[in-house]
N, C-alpha and C. Protein backbone atom coordinates (compact mmCIF):
# COMPACT_ATOMS: atom_id res chain seq x y z
N MET A 1 -10.81 -32.75 -16.17
CA MET A 1 -9.59 -32.03 -15.78
C MET A 1 -9.98 -30.55 -15.61
N TYR A 2 -9.35 -29.85 -14.74
CA TYR A 2 -9.51 -28.49 -14.42
C TYR A 2 -8.20 -27.72 -14.54
N ALA A 3 -8.30 -26.46 -14.94
CA ALA A 3 -7.21 -25.54 -15.05
C ALA A 3 -7.42 -24.40 -14.08
N VAL A 4 -6.44 -23.99 -13.35
CA VAL A 4 -6.50 -22.77 -12.53
C VAL A 4 -5.58 -21.76 -13.21
N ILE A 5 -6.11 -20.67 -13.61
CA ILE A 5 -5.42 -19.55 -14.33
C ILE A 5 -5.29 -18.45 -13.40
N PHE A 6 -4.02 -18.09 -13.12
CA PHE A 6 -3.68 -16.97 -12.26
C PHE A 6 -3.00 -15.92 -13.04
N ARG A 7 -3.57 -14.72 -13.11
CA ARG A 7 -2.99 -13.59 -13.89
C ARG A 7 -2.65 -12.47 -12.90
N ALA A 8 -1.53 -11.86 -12.99
CA ALA A 8 -1.24 -10.73 -12.02
C ALA A 8 -0.38 -9.67 -12.69
N LYS A 9 -0.47 -8.48 -12.09
CA LYS A 9 0.44 -7.40 -12.40
C LYS A 9 1.41 -7.37 -11.22
N VAL A 10 2.72 -7.55 -11.48
CA VAL A 10 3.65 -7.65 -10.35
C VAL A 10 4.13 -6.25 -10.03
N ALA A 11 3.99 -5.94 -8.72
CA ALA A 11 4.43 -4.63 -8.20
C ALA A 11 5.91 -4.71 -7.72
N GLN A 12 6.27 -5.88 -7.17
CA GLN A 12 7.62 -6.05 -6.61
C GLN A 12 7.98 -7.51 -6.64
N VAL A 13 9.19 -7.85 -6.97
CA VAL A 13 9.75 -9.21 -6.90
C VAL A 13 11.01 -9.14 -6.01
N ASP A 14 11.10 -10.05 -5.13
CA ASP A 14 12.39 -10.18 -4.30
C ASP A 14 12.65 -11.60 -4.06
N GLU A 15 13.68 -11.89 -3.30
CA GLU A 15 14.11 -13.21 -3.07
C GLU A 15 13.09 -14.08 -2.35
N GLU A 16 12.42 -13.42 -1.45
CA GLU A 16 11.35 -14.16 -0.67
C GLU A 16 10.25 -14.58 -1.71
N TYR A 17 9.91 -13.70 -2.65
CA TYR A 17 8.84 -14.04 -3.61
C TYR A 17 9.25 -15.36 -4.35
N SER A 18 10.45 -15.36 -4.83
CA SER A 18 10.90 -16.58 -5.62
C SER A 18 10.85 -17.88 -4.76
N LEU A 19 11.29 -17.75 -3.48
CA LEU A 19 11.29 -18.92 -2.58
C LEU A 19 9.89 -19.38 -2.32
N ILE A 20 8.92 -18.47 -2.09
CA ILE A 20 7.53 -18.84 -1.73
C ILE A 20 6.87 -19.34 -2.97
N ALA A 21 7.09 -18.79 -4.09
CA ALA A 21 6.51 -19.26 -5.38
C ALA A 21 6.85 -20.66 -5.65
N LYS A 22 8.15 -20.98 -5.39
CA LYS A 22 8.63 -22.31 -5.60
C LYS A 22 7.98 -23.25 -4.58
N ARG A 23 7.88 -22.89 -3.46
CA ARG A 23 7.26 -23.72 -2.36
C ARG A 23 5.77 -24.00 -2.57
N THR A 24 5.01 -22.96 -2.96
CA THR A 24 3.60 -23.22 -3.26
C THR A 24 3.40 -24.08 -4.45
N ARG A 25 4.20 -24.00 -5.43
CA ARG A 25 4.16 -24.89 -6.60
C ARG A 25 4.45 -26.32 -6.11
N GLN A 26 5.49 -26.51 -5.28
CA GLN A 26 5.87 -27.80 -4.74
C GLN A 26 4.71 -28.36 -3.99
N LEU A 27 4.05 -27.55 -3.16
CA LEU A 27 2.87 -28.11 -2.29
C LEU A 27 1.72 -28.52 -3.26
N ALA A 28 1.50 -27.75 -4.30
CA ALA A 28 0.41 -28.05 -5.26
C ALA A 28 0.65 -29.40 -5.91
N ILE A 29 1.83 -29.67 -6.29
CA ILE A 29 2.17 -30.92 -7.02
C ILE A 29 2.29 -32.09 -6.00
N GLU A 30 3.10 -31.94 -4.98
CA GLU A 30 3.40 -33.07 -4.15
C GLU A 30 2.33 -33.42 -3.09
N LYS A 31 1.64 -32.45 -2.55
CA LYS A 31 0.65 -32.66 -1.51
C LYS A 31 -0.80 -32.73 -2.03
N TYR A 32 -1.08 -31.90 -3.08
CA TYR A 32 -2.49 -31.87 -3.55
C TYR A 32 -2.79 -32.44 -4.88
N GLY A 33 -1.79 -32.97 -5.61
CA GLY A 33 -2.10 -33.77 -6.81
C GLY A 33 -2.18 -32.94 -8.11
N CYS A 34 -1.61 -31.69 -8.16
CA CYS A 34 -1.60 -30.94 -9.30
C CYS A 34 -0.71 -31.72 -10.32
N SER A 35 -1.17 -31.86 -11.52
CA SER A 35 -0.51 -32.61 -12.53
C SER A 35 0.64 -31.72 -13.30
N GLU A 36 0.43 -30.51 -13.40
CA GLU A 36 1.33 -29.60 -14.14
C GLU A 36 1.14 -28.21 -13.61
N PHE A 37 2.20 -27.43 -13.50
CA PHE A 37 2.10 -26.03 -12.96
C PHE A 37 3.22 -25.27 -13.75
N THR A 38 2.73 -24.26 -14.52
CA THR A 38 3.54 -23.50 -15.33
C THR A 38 3.41 -22.04 -15.09
N SER A 39 4.57 -21.24 -14.94
CA SER A 39 4.41 -19.83 -14.71
C SER A 39 5.28 -19.09 -15.75
N VAL A 40 4.81 -17.94 -16.23
CA VAL A 40 5.64 -17.16 -17.14
C VAL A 40 5.45 -15.66 -16.66
N THR A 41 6.57 -14.95 -16.78
CA THR A 41 6.47 -13.45 -16.40
C THR A 41 7.13 -12.74 -17.56
N GLU A 42 6.41 -11.66 -18.08
CA GLU A 42 7.00 -10.85 -19.01
C GLU A 42 6.67 -9.39 -18.61
N ASP A 43 7.81 -8.60 -18.60
CA ASP A 43 7.76 -7.27 -18.04
C ASP A 43 7.14 -7.41 -16.56
N ASN A 44 6.05 -6.75 -16.30
CA ASN A 44 5.47 -6.81 -14.93
C ASN A 44 4.18 -7.66 -14.87
N GLU A 45 3.94 -8.53 -15.97
CA GLU A 45 2.75 -9.37 -15.94
C GLU A 45 3.14 -10.79 -15.80
N GLU A 46 2.38 -11.48 -14.96
CA GLU A 46 2.61 -12.94 -14.71
C GLU A 46 1.40 -13.80 -14.92
N ILE A 47 1.57 -14.90 -15.52
CA ILE A 47 0.50 -15.88 -15.70
C ILE A 47 0.94 -17.23 -15.35
N SER A 48 0.11 -17.85 -14.50
CA SER A 48 0.41 -19.25 -14.01
C SER A 48 -0.80 -20.10 -14.36
N ILE A 49 -0.53 -21.31 -14.88
CA ILE A 49 -1.71 -22.23 -15.18
C ILE A 49 -1.28 -23.62 -14.51
N SER A 50 -2.24 -23.98 -13.72
CA SER A 50 -1.98 -25.36 -13.11
C SER A 50 -3.17 -26.23 -13.45
N TYR A 51 -2.86 -27.53 -13.58
CA TYR A 51 -3.91 -28.52 -14.06
C TYR A 51 -4.21 -29.57 -12.82
N TRP A 52 -5.38 -29.84 -12.74
CA TRP A 52 -5.96 -30.67 -11.60
C TRP A 52 -6.94 -31.67 -12.10
N LYS A 53 -7.07 -32.78 -11.46
CA LYS A 53 -8.03 -33.82 -11.72
C LYS A 53 -9.43 -33.45 -11.21
N THR A 54 -9.44 -32.90 -10.02
CA THR A 54 -10.71 -32.63 -9.29
C THR A 54 -10.78 -31.18 -8.66
N GLN A 55 -11.98 -30.72 -8.53
CA GLN A 55 -12.12 -29.44 -7.92
C GLN A 55 -11.78 -29.47 -6.37
N GLU A 56 -11.99 -30.72 -5.82
CA GLU A 56 -11.63 -30.88 -4.41
C GLU A 56 -10.20 -30.74 -4.21
N GLN A 57 -9.25 -31.14 -5.10
CA GLN A 57 -7.85 -30.92 -4.94
C GLN A 57 -7.57 -29.44 -5.04
N ILE A 58 -8.21 -28.70 -5.91
CA ILE A 58 -8.02 -27.25 -6.02
C ILE A 58 -8.41 -26.53 -4.75
N LYS A 59 -9.54 -26.95 -4.16
CA LYS A 59 -10.00 -26.28 -2.85
C LYS A 59 -9.08 -26.61 -1.77
N ALA A 60 -8.62 -27.90 -1.71
CA ALA A 60 -7.67 -28.24 -0.66
C ALA A 60 -6.40 -27.35 -0.69
N TRP A 61 -5.83 -27.18 -1.94
CA TRP A 61 -4.65 -26.45 -2.11
C TRP A 61 -4.93 -24.96 -1.75
N LYS A 62 -6.02 -24.47 -2.17
CA LYS A 62 -6.40 -23.09 -1.88
C LYS A 62 -6.41 -22.84 -0.37
N ASN A 63 -6.91 -23.78 0.41
CA ASN A 63 -7.11 -23.62 1.82
C ASN A 63 -5.92 -24.15 2.62
N ASP A 64 -4.80 -24.51 1.99
CA ASP A 64 -3.56 -24.91 2.76
C ASP A 64 -3.07 -23.63 3.49
N ALA A 65 -2.60 -23.81 4.68
CA ALA A 65 -2.18 -22.75 5.57
C ALA A 65 -0.97 -22.01 4.95
N GLU A 66 -0.06 -22.76 4.36
CA GLU A 66 1.20 -22.10 3.71
C GLU A 66 0.71 -21.30 2.54
N HIS A 67 -0.19 -21.92 1.77
CA HIS A 67 -0.70 -21.17 0.50
C HIS A 67 -1.47 -19.94 0.93
N ILE A 68 -2.22 -19.97 2.03
CA ILE A 68 -2.99 -18.82 2.47
C ILE A 68 -2.00 -17.71 2.90
N ALA A 69 -0.95 -18.07 3.53
CA ALA A 69 0.07 -17.09 3.98
C ALA A 69 0.68 -16.41 2.75
N ALA A 70 1.01 -17.28 1.71
CA ALA A 70 1.54 -16.73 0.46
C ALA A 70 0.62 -15.81 -0.28
N GLN A 71 -0.68 -16.16 -0.26
CA GLN A 71 -1.72 -15.36 -0.78
C GLN A 71 -1.71 -13.88 -0.16
N GLU A 72 -1.64 -13.98 1.16
CA GLU A 72 -1.64 -12.62 1.94
C GLU A 72 -0.48 -11.84 1.56
N LEU A 73 0.71 -12.42 1.44
CA LEU A 73 1.90 -11.66 1.03
C LEU A 73 1.79 -11.11 -0.41
N GLY A 74 1.18 -11.90 -1.17
CA GLY A 74 0.91 -11.47 -2.64
C GLY A 74 -0.01 -10.23 -2.69
N LYS A 75 -1.02 -10.32 -1.87
CA LYS A 75 -1.97 -9.12 -1.79
C LYS A 75 -1.30 -7.91 -1.26
N SER A 76 -0.48 -8.04 -0.24
CA SER A 76 -0.01 -6.89 0.45
C SER A 76 1.34 -6.37 -0.09
N LYS A 77 2.10 -7.26 -0.82
CA LYS A 77 3.47 -6.99 -1.11
C LYS A 77 3.78 -7.08 -2.61
N TRP A 78 3.46 -8.16 -3.23
CA TRP A 78 3.97 -8.45 -4.57
C TRP A 78 3.16 -8.08 -5.76
N TYR A 79 1.83 -8.03 -5.59
CA TYR A 79 0.91 -7.84 -6.72
C TYR A 79 0.12 -6.59 -6.52
N SER A 80 0.06 -5.82 -7.63
CA SER A 80 -0.82 -4.63 -7.55
C SER A 80 -2.25 -5.01 -8.05
N TRP A 81 -2.41 -6.18 -8.81
CA TRP A 81 -3.67 -6.60 -9.29
C TRP A 81 -3.52 -8.09 -9.59
N TYR A 82 -4.57 -8.86 -9.38
CA TYR A 82 -4.51 -10.27 -9.78
C TYR A 82 -5.96 -10.73 -10.03
N LYS A 83 -6.03 -11.84 -10.79
CA LYS A 83 -7.27 -12.46 -11.16
C LYS A 83 -7.06 -13.92 -11.28
N ILE A 84 -8.06 -14.71 -10.69
CA ILE A 84 -7.96 -16.17 -10.67
C ILE A 84 -9.17 -16.74 -11.33
N GLN A 85 -9.03 -17.63 -12.19
CA GLN A 85 -10.09 -18.34 -12.92
C GLN A 85 -9.92 -19.79 -12.81
N VAL A 86 -11.03 -20.53 -12.63
CA VAL A 86 -10.94 -21.95 -12.63
C VAL A 86 -11.84 -22.48 -13.77
N ALA A 87 -11.24 -23.22 -14.65
CA ALA A 87 -11.95 -23.64 -15.91
C ALA A 87 -11.85 -25.12 -16.02
N GLU A 88 -12.93 -25.68 -16.59
CA GLU A 88 -12.91 -27.11 -17.01
C GLU A 88 -12.31 -27.20 -18.36
N VAL A 89 -11.41 -28.14 -18.53
CA VAL A 89 -10.72 -28.43 -19.75
C VAL A 89 -11.59 -29.40 -20.48
N MET A 90 -12.12 -29.00 -21.69
CA MET A 90 -13.04 -29.86 -22.46
C MET A 90 -12.37 -30.87 -23.39
N ARG A 91 -11.25 -30.45 -23.89
CA ARG A 91 -10.42 -31.31 -24.77
C ARG A 91 -9.06 -30.74 -24.90
N GLY A 92 -8.15 -31.56 -25.29
CA GLY A 92 -6.83 -31.03 -25.44
C GLY A 92 -6.09 -31.81 -26.56
N TYR A 93 -5.18 -31.14 -27.17
CA TYR A 93 -4.40 -31.69 -28.29
C TYR A 93 -2.93 -31.56 -28.02
N GLU A 94 -2.17 -32.45 -28.55
CA GLU A 94 -0.70 -32.39 -28.35
C GLU A 94 0.01 -33.00 -29.54
N ASN A 95 1.12 -32.40 -29.97
CA ASN A 95 1.90 -32.91 -31.06
C ASN A 95 3.32 -32.92 -30.62
N ASN A 96 3.97 -34.10 -30.46
CA ASN A 96 5.25 -34.21 -29.94
C ASN A 96 6.27 -34.59 -31.06
N THR A 97 6.00 -34.25 -32.36
CA THR A 97 6.94 -34.58 -33.35
C THR A 97 7.95 -33.50 -33.65
């Protein structure tokens, strides 16, 4: 399993941002096989983590035309800084009690 970690400093948030963020998350899950996608914003910092079975799924999502358009808007309009990391998940633990 792989995790894509997206961290950003948010310069501006508007209605379009919220709609596009929702749509790119939907694409990741429904079209490209993302198993989980979580985003949290605090003050002007955002972190999103998505989980994937294969690197090929991640590459396909990264190269999706809608996602590329969203990335361009992010660079030009919404984020003053961002960082993306792809990591292999070596093990995980969960307690549901």
